[in-house]
Amino acid sequence: MNDVWLSYLDFRDLESYKKDVFMFKPDFLFHIGAYTSLEYCEENEKEAYRTNTMAVENAVYIANELDIPILYISTAGIFDGKQDTYDDWDMPNPLGVYARSKYMGELFVTRHCRRHLVCRAGWMMGSGPKKDKKFIQK
């Protein structure tokens, strides 16, 4: 359940997403929504790909149409953990549905969006006391 000041937007619905973004007229599009529960993604593979991969196509379409940059939050989880550190030249090897779905979204952004920035986050910083588990609640 969202707090009263938050509105609901299903960014998997292109028309709804486009309407809200066009109405807001942003200078940047931050596409930060995703299913982040590894367990949920493993148990709901189609929903994970629909949300974490395919919905990114909507964001790219909108950003290109408005000629604004997109910030896409990927995950450090695209790497398999066999090294202590990784850099931009290391080849991703995503393990599991969550990591693969986020990496596929990342690839779509980098290949199709004219202006973009991809950030590979480790652990995001909070969502509120009633939302999923994040760093700030730990």
N, C-alpha and C. Protein backbone atom coordinates (compact mmCIF):
# COMPACT_ATOMS: atom_id res chain seq x y z
N MET A 1 0.84 -1.18 0.00
CA MET A 1 0.00 0.00 0.00
C MET A 1 0.88 1.24 0.00
N ASN A 2 0.59 2.17 -0.87
CA ASN A 2 1.36 3.41 -0.95
C ASN A 2 0.90 4.41 0.10
N ASP A 3 1.83 5.27 0.52
CA ASP A 3 1.46 6.40 1.36
C ASP A 3 0.60 7.34 0.53
N VAL A 4 -0.15 8.21 1.20
CA VAL A 4 -1.13 9.05 0.52
C VAL A 4 -0.51 9.99 -0.51
N TRP A 5 0.72 10.40 -0.33
CA TRP A 5 1.34 11.35 -1.25
C TRP A 5 1.87 10.69 -2.51
N LEU A 6 1.85 9.37 -2.58
CA LEU A 6 2.33 8.65 -3.76
C LEU A 6 1.16 8.28 -4.66
N SER A 7 1.39 8.38 -5.96
CA SER A 7 0.38 7.93 -6.91
C SER A 7 0.85 6.61 -7.52
N TYR A 8 -0.05 5.91 -8.15
CA TYR A 8 0.26 4.62 -8.74
C TYR A 8 0.44 4.77 -10.25
N LEU A 9 1.50 4.18 -10.77
CA LEU A 9 1.72 4.15 -12.21
C LEU A 9 2.28 2.77 -12.56
N ASP A 10 1.62 2.10 -13.48
CA ASP A 10 2.14 0.82 -13.98
C ASP A 10 2.97 1.14 -15.23
N PHE A 11 4.29 1.24 -15.06
CA PHE A 11 5.14 1.61 -16.19
C PHE A 11 5.24 0.53 -17.24
N ARG A 12 4.59 -0.61 -17.01
CA ARG A 12 4.51 -1.65 -18.03
C ARG A 12 3.44 -1.29 -19.07
N ASP A 13 2.58 -0.35 -18.74
CA ASP A 13 1.52 0.13 -19.63
C ASP A 13 2.04 1.38 -20.34
N LEU A 14 2.43 1.23 -21.59
CA LEU A 14 3.06 2.32 -22.34
C LEU A 14 2.21 3.58 -22.34
N GLU A 15 0.94 3.48 -22.66
CA GLU A 15 0.11 4.68 -22.77
C GLU A 15 0.01 5.43 -21.45
N SER A 16 -0.15 4.69 -20.37
CA SER A 16 -0.24 5.30 -19.05
C SER A 16 1.09 5.96 -18.66
N TYR A 17 2.18 5.25 -18.88
CA TYR A 17 3.52 5.75 -18.60
C TYR A 17 3.79 7.01 -19.41
N LYS A 18 3.50 6.93 -20.69
CA LYS A 18 3.74 8.05 -21.60
C LYS A 18 2.91 9.27 -21.19
N LYS A 19 1.64 9.05 -20.86
CA LYS A 19 0.76 10.16 -20.45
C LYS A 19 1.33 10.89 -19.24
N ASP A 20 1.73 10.14 -18.22
CA ASP A 20 2.25 10.76 -17.00
C ASP A 20 3.57 11.48 -17.25
N VAL A 21 4.46 10.88 -18.01
CA VAL A 21 5.75 11.51 -18.27
C VAL A 21 5.56 12.77 -19.12
N PHE A 22 4.76 12.68 -20.16
CA PHE A 22 4.54 13.85 -21.01
C PHE A 22 3.88 14.99 -20.23
N MET A 23 2.98 14.65 -19.32
CA MET A 23 2.31 15.66 -18.52
C MET A 23 3.32 16.35 -17.58
N PHE A 24 4.26 15.60 -17.06
CA PHE A 24 5.25 16.14 -16.12
C PHE A 24 6.33 16.96 -16.83
N LYS A 25 6.62 16.62 -18.09
CA LYS A 25 7.62 17.32 -18.91
C LYS A 25 9.00 17.34 -18.26
N PRO A 26 9.57 16.18 -17.98
CA PRO A 26 10.87 16.13 -17.29
C PRO A 26 12.04 16.45 -18.22
N ASP A 27 13.15 16.82 -17.62
CA ASP A 27 14.40 17.00 -18.35
C ASP A 27 15.18 15.69 -18.42
N PHE A 28 14.86 14.77 -17.53
CA PHE A 28 15.49 13.45 -17.45
C PHE A 28 14.41 12.44 -17.10
N LEU A 29 14.59 11.20 -17.50
CA LEU A 29 13.68 10.13 -17.09
C LEU A 29 14.49 9.15 -16.26
N PHE A 30 14.13 9.02 -15.00
CA PHE A 30 14.78 8.06 -14.11
C PHE A 30 13.89 6.82 -14.07
N HIS A 31 14.32 5.75 -14.71
CA HIS A 31 13.55 4.51 -14.68
C HIS A 31 14.12 3.65 -13.57
N ILE A 32 13.47 3.70 -12.42
CA ILE A 32 14.02 3.04 -11.24
C ILE A 32 13.14 1.92 -10.70
N GLY A 33 11.99 1.70 -11.31
CA GLY A 33 11.09 0.67 -10.82
C GLY A 33 11.49 -0.72 -11.28
N ALA A 34 11.32 -1.69 -10.40
CA ALA A 34 11.64 -3.08 -10.74
C ALA A 34 11.17 -4.00 -9.62
N TYR A 35 10.99 -5.26 -9.98
CA TYR A 35 10.87 -6.28 -8.94
C TYR A 35 12.27 -6.57 -8.47
N THR A 36 12.52 -6.39 -7.17
CA THR A 36 13.87 -6.56 -6.66
C THR A 36 14.05 -7.78 -5.77
N SER A 37 12.97 -8.43 -5.41
CA SER A 37 13.06 -9.63 -4.58
C SER A 37 13.55 -10.80 -5.43
N LEU A 38 14.72 -11.30 -5.11
CA LEU A 38 15.27 -12.43 -5.86
C LEU A 38 14.33 -13.62 -5.80
N GLU A 39 13.75 -13.86 -4.63
CA GLU A 39 12.86 -14.99 -4.46
C GLU A 39 11.60 -14.82 -5.32
N TYR A 40 11.02 -13.62 -5.31
CA TYR A 40 9.83 -13.38 -6.12
C TYR A 40 10.13 -13.60 -7.60
N CYS A 41 11.25 -13.07 -8.06
CA CYS A 41 11.61 -13.19 -9.47
C CYS A 41 11.79 -14.65 -9.88
N GLU A 42 12.41 -15.44 -9.02
CA GLU A 42 12.61 -16.86 -9.34
C GLU A 42 11.26 -17.58 -9.43
N GLU A 43 10.32 -17.21 -8.57
CA GLU A 43 9.02 -17.87 -8.53
C GLU A 43 8.05 -17.32 -9.58
N ASN A 44 8.33 -16.12 -10.09
CA ASN A 44 7.42 -15.44 -11.02
C ASN A 44 8.22 -14.91 -12.21
N GLU A 45 8.84 -15.82 -12.93
CA GLU A 45 9.77 -15.45 -13.99
C GLU A 45 9.15 -14.55 -15.05
N LYS A 46 7.95 -14.87 -15.51
CA LYS A 46 7.32 -14.05 -16.55
C LYS A 46 7.08 -12.63 -16.07
N GLU A 47 6.59 -12.47 -14.86
CA GLU A 47 6.36 -11.14 -14.31
C GLU A 47 7.68 -10.38 -14.13
N ALA A 48 8.72 -11.09 -13.72
CA ALA A 48 10.03 -10.44 -13.56
C ALA A 48 10.52 -9.89 -14.88
N TYR A 49 10.45 -10.67 -15.95
CA TYR A 49 10.89 -10.20 -17.26
C TYR A 49 9.96 -9.11 -17.80
N ARG A 50 8.67 -9.26 -17.55
CA ARG A 50 7.72 -8.25 -18.03
C ARG A 50 8.01 -6.90 -17.37
N THR A 51 8.34 -6.92 -16.09
CA THR A 51 8.57 -5.68 -15.35
C THR A 51 10.00 -5.18 -15.48
N ASN A 52 10.97 -6.06 -15.32
CA ASN A 52 12.37 -5.64 -15.26
C ASN A 52 13.04 -5.52 -16.62
N THR A 53 12.46 -6.10 -17.65
CA THR A 53 13.07 -6.06 -18.97
C THR A 53 12.16 -5.35 -19.97
N MET A 54 10.99 -5.89 -20.17
CA MET A 54 10.13 -5.37 -21.23
C MET A 54 9.62 -3.96 -20.95
N ALA A 55 9.35 -3.62 -19.70
CA ALA A 55 8.88 -2.26 -19.39
C ALA A 55 9.95 -1.22 -19.67
N VAL A 56 11.20 -1.64 -19.68
CA VAL A 56 12.30 -0.72 -19.99
C VAL A 56 12.17 -0.22 -21.44
N GLU A 57 11.63 -1.04 -22.30
CA GLU A 57 11.38 -0.60 -23.68
C GLU A 57 10.47 0.62 -23.69
N ASN A 58 9.48 0.65 -22.81
CA ASN A 58 8.60 1.82 -22.72
C ASN A 58 9.38 3.06 -22.33
N ALA A 59 10.25 2.93 -21.34
CA ALA A 59 11.04 4.07 -20.90
C ALA A 59 11.94 4.58 -22.01
N VAL A 60 12.56 3.67 -22.74
CA VAL A 60 13.44 4.06 -23.84
C VAL A 60 12.65 4.77 -24.94
N TYR A 61 11.50 4.23 -25.26
CA TYR A 61 10.64 4.84 -26.29
C TYR A 61 10.29 6.28 -25.88
N ILE A 62 9.88 6.46 -24.64
CA ILE A 62 9.48 7.78 -24.15
C ILE A 62 10.67 8.73 -24.13
N ALA A 63 11.80 8.28 -23.62
CA ALA A 63 12.99 9.14 -23.55
C ALA A 63 13.45 9.56 -24.95
N ASN A 64 13.43 8.63 -25.88
CA ASN A 64 13.82 8.98 -27.25
C ASN A 64 12.83 9.96 -27.87
N GLU A 65 11.54 9.75 -27.63
CA GLU A 65 10.54 10.64 -28.22
C GLU A 65 10.67 12.07 -27.67
N LEU A 66 10.99 12.18 -26.39
CA LEU A 66 11.15 13.49 -25.76
C LEU A 66 12.58 14.04 -25.92
N ASP A 67 13.47 13.21 -26.45
CA ASP A 67 14.88 13.56 -26.58
C ASP A 67 15.48 14.00 -25.24
N ILE A 68 15.22 13.17 -24.23
CA ILE A 68 15.79 13.39 -22.91
C ILE A 68 16.60 12.16 -22.51
N PRO A 69 17.59 12.35 -21.65
CA PRO A 69 18.37 11.19 -21.20
C PRO A 69 17.58 10.33 -20.22
N ILE A 70 17.91 9.07 -20.21
CA ILE A 70 17.31 8.14 -19.26
C ILE A 70 18.40 7.67 -18.30
N LEU A 71 18.05 7.60 -17.03
CA LEU A 71 18.89 6.97 -16.02
C LEU A 71 18.25 5.63 -15.73
N TYR A 72 18.99 4.57 -15.98
CA TYR A 72 18.48 3.22 -15.74
C TYR A 72 19.28 2.62 -14.59
N ILE A 73 18.56 2.16 -13.58
CA ILE A 73 19.21 1.51 -12.45
C ILE A 73 19.26 0.01 -12.74
N SER A 74 20.46 -0.47 -12.95
CA SER A 74 20.68 -1.90 -13.13
C SER A 74 21.08 -2.47 -11.78
N THR A 75 21.88 -3.49 -11.78
CA THR A 75 22.29 -4.12 -10.53
C THR A 75 23.71 -4.66 -10.63
N ALA A 76 24.43 -4.57 -9.54
CA ALA A 76 25.75 -5.20 -9.48
C ALA A 76 25.61 -6.72 -9.56
N GLY A 77 24.39 -7.20 -9.36
CA GLY A 77 24.11 -8.63 -9.41
C GLY A 77 24.24 -9.23 -10.80
N ILE A 78 24.53 -8.42 -11.81
CA ILE A 78 24.74 -8.99 -13.15
C ILE A 78 26.05 -9.75 -13.23
N PHE A 79 26.88 -9.60 -12.20
CA PHE A 79 28.13 -10.35 -12.14
C PHE A 79 27.96 -11.57 -11.24
N ASP A 80 28.72 -12.61 -11.50
CA ASP A 80 28.53 -13.88 -10.82
C ASP A 80 29.19 -13.99 -9.45
N GLY A 81 29.95 -12.99 -9.03
CA GLY A 81 30.56 -13.00 -7.71
C GLY A 81 31.86 -13.77 -7.61
N LYS A 82 32.41 -14.19 -8.72
CA LYS A 82 33.66 -14.95 -8.69
C LYS A 82 34.88 -14.06 -8.45
N GLN A 83 34.72 -12.74 -8.58
CA GLN A 83 35.81 -11.79 -8.33
C GLN A 83 35.42 -10.92 -7.14
N ASP A 84 36.43 -10.31 -6.53
CA ASP A 84 36.15 -9.39 -5.43
C ASP A 84 35.62 -8.05 -5.93
N THR A 85 36.14 -7.59 -7.05
CA THR A 85 35.70 -6.32 -7.63
C THR A 85 35.49 -6.49 -9.12
N TYR A 86 34.68 -5.60 -9.68
CA TYR A 86 34.39 -5.60 -11.11
C TYR A 86 34.48 -4.18 -11.63
N ASP A 87 34.75 -4.05 -12.93
CA ASP A 87 34.72 -2.74 -13.56
C ASP A 87 33.96 -2.84 -14.88
N ASP A 88 33.93 -1.74 -15.62
CA ASP A 88 33.13 -1.69 -16.85
C ASP A 88 33.61 -2.65 -17.94
N TRP A 89 34.80 -3.16 -17.82
CA TRP A 89 35.34 -4.05 -18.85
C TRP A 89 35.14 -5.52 -18.52
N ASP A 90 34.64 -5.83 -17.34
CA ASP A 90 34.35 -7.22 -16.99
C ASP A 90 33.04 -7.65 -17.63
N MET A 91 33.03 -8.87 -18.10
CA MET A 91 31.83 -9.41 -18.76
C MET A 91 30.81 -9.86 -17.72
N PRO A 92 29.59 -9.36 -17.82
CA PRO A 92 28.54 -9.82 -16.91
C PRO A 92 28.26 -11.31 -17.10
N ASN A 93 27.89 -11.93 -16.03
CA ASN A 93 27.46 -13.32 -16.04
C ASN A 93 26.33 -13.43 -15.01
N PRO A 94 25.14 -12.91 -15.38
CA PRO A 94 24.06 -12.87 -14.40
C PRO A 94 23.56 -14.26 -14.05
N LEU A 95 23.41 -14.49 -12.76
CA LEU A 95 22.89 -15.76 -12.26
C LEU A 95 21.49 -15.49 -11.71
N GLY A 96 20.54 -16.24 -12.12
CA GLY A 96 19.19 -16.09 -11.61
C GLY A 96 18.34 -15.15 -12.44
N VAL A 97 17.04 -15.25 -12.24
CA VAL A 97 16.07 -14.51 -13.04
C VAL A 97 16.20 -13.01 -12.80
N TYR A 98 16.32 -12.58 -11.55
CA TYR A 98 16.41 -11.15 -11.27
C TYR A 98 17.59 -10.53 -12.01
N ALA A 99 18.76 -11.08 -11.85
CA ALA A 99 19.97 -10.51 -12.47
C ALA A 99 19.86 -10.54 -13.99
N ARG A 100 19.37 -11.62 -14.56
CA ARG A 100 19.22 -11.70 -16.02
C ARG A 100 18.20 -10.68 -16.52
N SER A 101 17.09 -10.53 -15.81
CA SER A 101 16.06 -9.59 -16.25
C SER A 101 16.56 -8.15 -16.20
N LYS A 102 17.34 -7.82 -15.19
CA LYS A 102 17.90 -6.47 -15.10
C LYS A 102 18.98 -6.25 -16.16
N TYR A 103 19.79 -7.26 -16.42
CA TYR A 103 20.84 -7.13 -17.43
C TYR A 103 20.23 -6.96 -18.82
N MET A 104 19.17 -7.68 -19.10
CA MET A 104 18.51 -7.53 -20.40
C MET A 104 17.94 -6.12 -20.55
N GLY A 105 17.42 -5.55 -19.48
CA GLY A 105 16.96 -4.16 -19.51
C GLY A 105 18.12 -3.21 -19.77
N GLU A 106 19.24 -3.48 -19.14
CA GLU A 106 20.44 -2.67 -19.34
C GLU A 106 20.89 -2.71 -20.80
N LEU A 107 20.90 -3.89 -21.37
CA LEU A 107 21.31 -4.03 -22.77
C LEU A 107 20.37 -3.26 -23.69
N PHE A 108 19.06 -3.32 -23.40
CA PHE A 108 18.12 -2.60 -24.25
C PHE A 108 18.38 -1.10 -24.19
N VAL A 109 18.62 -0.58 -23.00
CA VAL A 109 18.89 0.85 -22.85
C VAL A 109 20.14 1.24 -23.63
N THR A 110 21.22 0.51 -23.43
CA THR A 110 22.49 0.90 -24.06
C THR A 110 22.45 0.74 -25.58
N ARG A 111 21.64 -0.16 -26.07
CA ARG A 111 21.59 -0.39 -27.52
C ARG A 111 20.57 0.48 -28.25
N HIS A 112 19.54 0.95 -27.54
CA HIS A 112 18.45 1.62 -28.23
C HIS A 112 18.16 3.05 -27.78
N CYS A 113 18.65 3.46 -26.65
CA CYS A 113 18.36 4.81 -26.16
C CYS A 113 19.48 5.75 -26.59
N ARG A 114 19.11 6.85 -27.22
CA ARG A 114 20.10 7.80 -27.73
C ARG A 114 20.91 8.45 -26.62
N ARG A 115 20.27 8.76 -25.50
CA ARG A 115 20.94 9.44 -24.39
C ARG A 115 20.64 8.67 -23.12
N HIS A 116 21.67 8.10 -22.51
CA HIS A 116 21.41 7.25 -21.35
C HIS A 116 22.59 7.22 -20.38
N LEU A 117 22.27 6.81 -19.16
CA LEU A 117 23.25 6.53 -18.13
C LEU A 117 22.75 5.29 -17.41
N VAL A 118 23.60 4.30 -17.28
CA VAL A 118 23.26 3.07 -16.57
C VAL A 118 24.08 3.03 -15.29
N CYS A 119 23.42 2.84 -14.18
CA CYS A 119 24.09 2.70 -12.88
C CYS A 119 23.84 1.28 -12.37
N ARG A 120 24.90 0.63 -11.97
CA ARG A 120 24.78 -0.72 -11.42
C ARG A 120 24.86 -0.63 -9.91
N ALA A 121 23.70 -0.56 -9.31
CA ALA A 121 23.61 -0.36 -7.86
C ALA A 121 23.79 -1.67 -7.12
N GLY A 122 24.32 -1.57 -5.92
CA GLY A 122 24.44 -2.73 -5.05
C GLY A 122 23.17 -2.93 -4.25
N TRP A 123 22.92 -2.01 -3.33
CA TRP A 123 21.75 -2.10 -2.47
C TRP A 123 21.14 -0.72 -2.39
N MET A 124 19.89 -0.57 -2.78
CA MET A 124 19.25 0.74 -2.82
C MET A 124 18.95 1.25 -1.41
N MET A 125 18.75 2.55 -1.31
CA MET A 125 18.64 3.23 -0.01
C MET A 125 17.21 3.50 0.42
N GLY A 126 16.46 2.55 0.74
CA GLY A 126 15.21 2.80 1.42
C GLY A 126 14.01 3.08 0.55
N SER A 127 12.86 2.74 1.10
CA SER A 127 11.61 2.90 0.37
C SER A 127 10.48 3.25 1.33
N GLY A 128 10.79 3.38 2.57
CA GLY A 128 9.78 3.68 3.57
C GLY A 128 9.53 2.47 4.46
N PRO A 129 9.02 2.71 5.64
CA PRO A 129 8.86 1.63 6.62
C PRO A 129 7.85 0.56 6.22
N LYS A 130 6.94 0.87 5.30
CA LYS A 130 5.93 -0.11 4.92
C LYS A 130 6.27 -0.82 3.62
N LYS A 131 7.41 -0.52 3.03
CA LYS A 131 7.78 -1.10 1.74
C LYS A 131 8.79 -2.23 1.93
N ASP A 132 9.30 -2.73 0.81
CA ASP A 132 10.22 -3.87 0.87
C ASP A 132 11.51 -3.52 1.60
N LYS A 133 12.26 -4.55 1.93
CA LYS A 133 13.47 -4.39 2.71
C LYS A 133 14.57 -3.72 1.90
N LYS A 134 15.10 -2.65 2.41
CA LYS A 134 16.19 -1.94 1.77
C LYS A 134 17.26 -1.64 2.81
N PHE A 135 18.35 -1.10 2.35
CA PHE A 135 19.50 -0.82 3.19
C PHE A 135 19.14 0.02 4.41
N ILE A 136 18.39 1.05 4.22
CA ILE A 136 18.11 2.00 5.30
C ILE A 136 17.34 1.34 6.45
N GLN A 137 16.49 0.34 6.14
CA GLN A 137 15.76 -0.35 7.19
C GLN A 137 16.63 -1.34 7.93
N LYS A 138 17.72 -1.76 7.35
CA LYS A 138 18.62 -2.72 7.99
C LYS A 138 19.50 -2.03 9.01
